[in-house]
Amino acid sequence: MLAGGRAGFVRWNVHPTLDQQAALVQSLGARTVVPAFAGREHVEAWRRAFAPAKVSLAREIPL
């Protein structure tokens, strides 16, 4: 279909950017953020972006 010109290709970013995630955390009033699918080397950037929410990497989080 692409080769025949009957369809187009558009990239779709399924993962929000850090700024978009920070806006979501802020708008929800989240107190704790539990990042998934990224390494611990990003923790300081997350803490800055999501403040005043806490960033937790704990395996268990009391509710």
C-alpha atoms as a PDB file:
ATOM      1  CA  MET A   1       0.000   0.000   0.000  1.00  0.00           C
ATOM      2  CA  LEU A   2       2.823   2.405   0.819  1.00  0.00           C
ATOM      3  CA  ALA A   3       4.673   1.621  -2.367  1.00  0.00           C
ATOM      4  CA  GLY A   4       1.458   2.018  -4.378  1.00  0.00           C
ATOM      5  CA  GLY A   5       0.756   5.432  -2.856  1.00  0.00           C
ATOM      6  CA  ARG A   6      -2.495   4.290  -1.259  1.00  0.00           C
ATOM      7  CA  ALA A   7      -1.220   4.736   2.291  1.00  0.00           C
ATOM      8  CA  GLY A   8       1.090   7.072   4.170  1.00  0.00           C
ATOM      9  CA  PHE A   9       3.632   6.421   6.920  1.00  0.00           C
ATOM     10  CA  VAL A  10       3.446   8.467  10.111  1.00  0.00           C
ATOM     11  CA  ARG A  11       5.577   7.850  13.222  1.00  0.00           C
ATOM     12  CA  TRP A  12       3.600   7.778  16.446  1.00  0.00           C
ATOM     13  CA  ASN A  13       5.494   8.390  19.669  1.00  0.00           C
ATOM     14  CA  VAL A  14       3.786   6.131  22.203  1.00  0.00           C
ATOM     15  CA  HIS A  15       6.029   7.266  25.065  1.00  0.00           C
ATOM     16  CA  PRO A  16       5.435  10.768  26.437  1.00  0.00           C
ATOM     17  CA  THR A  17       8.457  13.028  26.786  1.00  0.00           C
ATOM     18  CA  LEU A  18       9.794  13.943  30.220  1.00  0.00           C
ATOM     19  CA  ASP A  19       8.133  17.371  29.933  1.00  0.00           C
ATOM     20  CA  GLN A  20       4.806  15.740  29.077  1.00  0.00           C
ATOM     21  CA  GLN A  21       5.168  13.316  31.978  1.00  0.00           C
ATOM     22  CA  ALA A  22       6.009  16.190  34.345  1.00  0.00           C
ATOM     23  CA  ALA A  23       2.908  18.091  33.183  1.00  0.00           C
ATOM     24  CA  LEU A  24       0.786  15.004  33.839  1.00  0.00           C
ATOM     25  CA  VAL A  25       2.281  14.511  37.308  1.00  0.00           C
ATOM     26  CA  GLN A  26       1.624  18.189  38.087  1.00  0.00           C
ATOM     27  CA  SER A  27      -1.940  18.199  36.749  1.00  0.00           C
ATOM     28  CA  LEU A  28      -2.817  15.062  38.709  1.00  0.00           C
ATOM     29  CA  GLY A  29      -1.254  16.355  41.910  1.00  0.00           C
ATOM     30  CA  ALA A  30       0.685  13.118  42.247  1.00  0.00           C
ATOM     31  CA  ARG A  31       2.568  12.725  45.497  1.00  0.00           C
ATOM     32  CA  THR A  32       4.632   9.728  44.385  1.00  0.00           C
ATOM     33  CA  VAL A  33       5.885   8.754  40.935  1.00  0.00           C
ATOM     34  CA  VAL A  34       7.030   5.206  40.211  1.00  0.00           C
ATOM     35  CA  PRO A  35       9.010   5.204  36.951  1.00  0.00           C
ATOM     36  CA  ALA A  36       9.017   2.056  34.855  1.00  0.00           C
ATOM     37  CA  PHE A  37      11.000   0.880  31.875  1.00  0.00           C
ATOM     38  CA  ALA A  38      14.044   3.119  32.386  1.00  0.00           C
ATOM     39  CA  GLY A  39      17.320   2.851  34.244  1.00  0.00           C
ATOM     40  CA  ARG A  40      18.249   4.276  37.604  1.00  0.00           C
ATOM     41  CA  GLU A  41      20.687   6.650  35.900  1.00  0.00           C
ATOM     42  CA  HIS A  42      17.676   8.914  35.217  1.00  0.00           C
ATOM     43  CA  VAL A  43      16.570   9.253  38.841  1.00  0.00           C
ATOM     44  CA  GLU A  44      18.008  12.754  39.413  1.00  0.00           C
ATOM     45  CA  ALA A  45      16.335  14.100  36.267  1.00  0.00           C
ATOM     46  CA  TRP A  46      13.046  12.530  37.375  1.00  0.00           C
ATOM     47  CA  ARG A  47      13.351  14.062  40.840  1.00  0.00           C
ATOM     48  CA  ARG A  48      13.897  17.509  39.347  1.00  0.00           C
ATOM     49  CA  ALA A  49      11.123  17.125  36.776  1.00  0.00           C
ATOM     50  CA  PHE A  50       8.483  15.656  39.094  1.00  0.00           C
ATOM     51  CA  ALA A  51       9.104  17.766  42.238  1.00  0.00           C
ATOM     52  CA  PRO A  52       7.435  18.200  44.627  1.00  0.00           C
ATOM     53  CA  ALA A  53       6.278  14.602  44.016  1.00  0.00           C
ATOM     54  CA  LYS A  54       8.635  11.967  45.361  1.00  0.00           C
ATOM     55  CA  VAL A  55      10.232   9.472  42.985  1.00  0.00           C
ATOM     56  CA  SER A  56      10.227   5.936  44.315  1.00  0.00           C
ATOM     57  CA  LEU A  57      12.196   3.020  42.930  1.00  0.00           C
ATOM     58  CA  ALA A  58      11.076   0.743  45.762  1.00  0.00           C
ATOM     59  CA  ARG A  59       9.762  -2.711  44.899  1.00  0.00           C
ATOM     60  CA  GLU A  60       6.929  -2.244  47.393  1.00  0.00           C
ATOM     61  CA  ILE A  61       5.125   1.011  48.071  1.00  0.00           C
ATOM     62  CA  PRO A  62       2.639   1.337  50.928  1.00  0.00           C
ATOM     63  CA  LEU A  63      -0.649   2.891  49.866  1.00  0.00           C
END
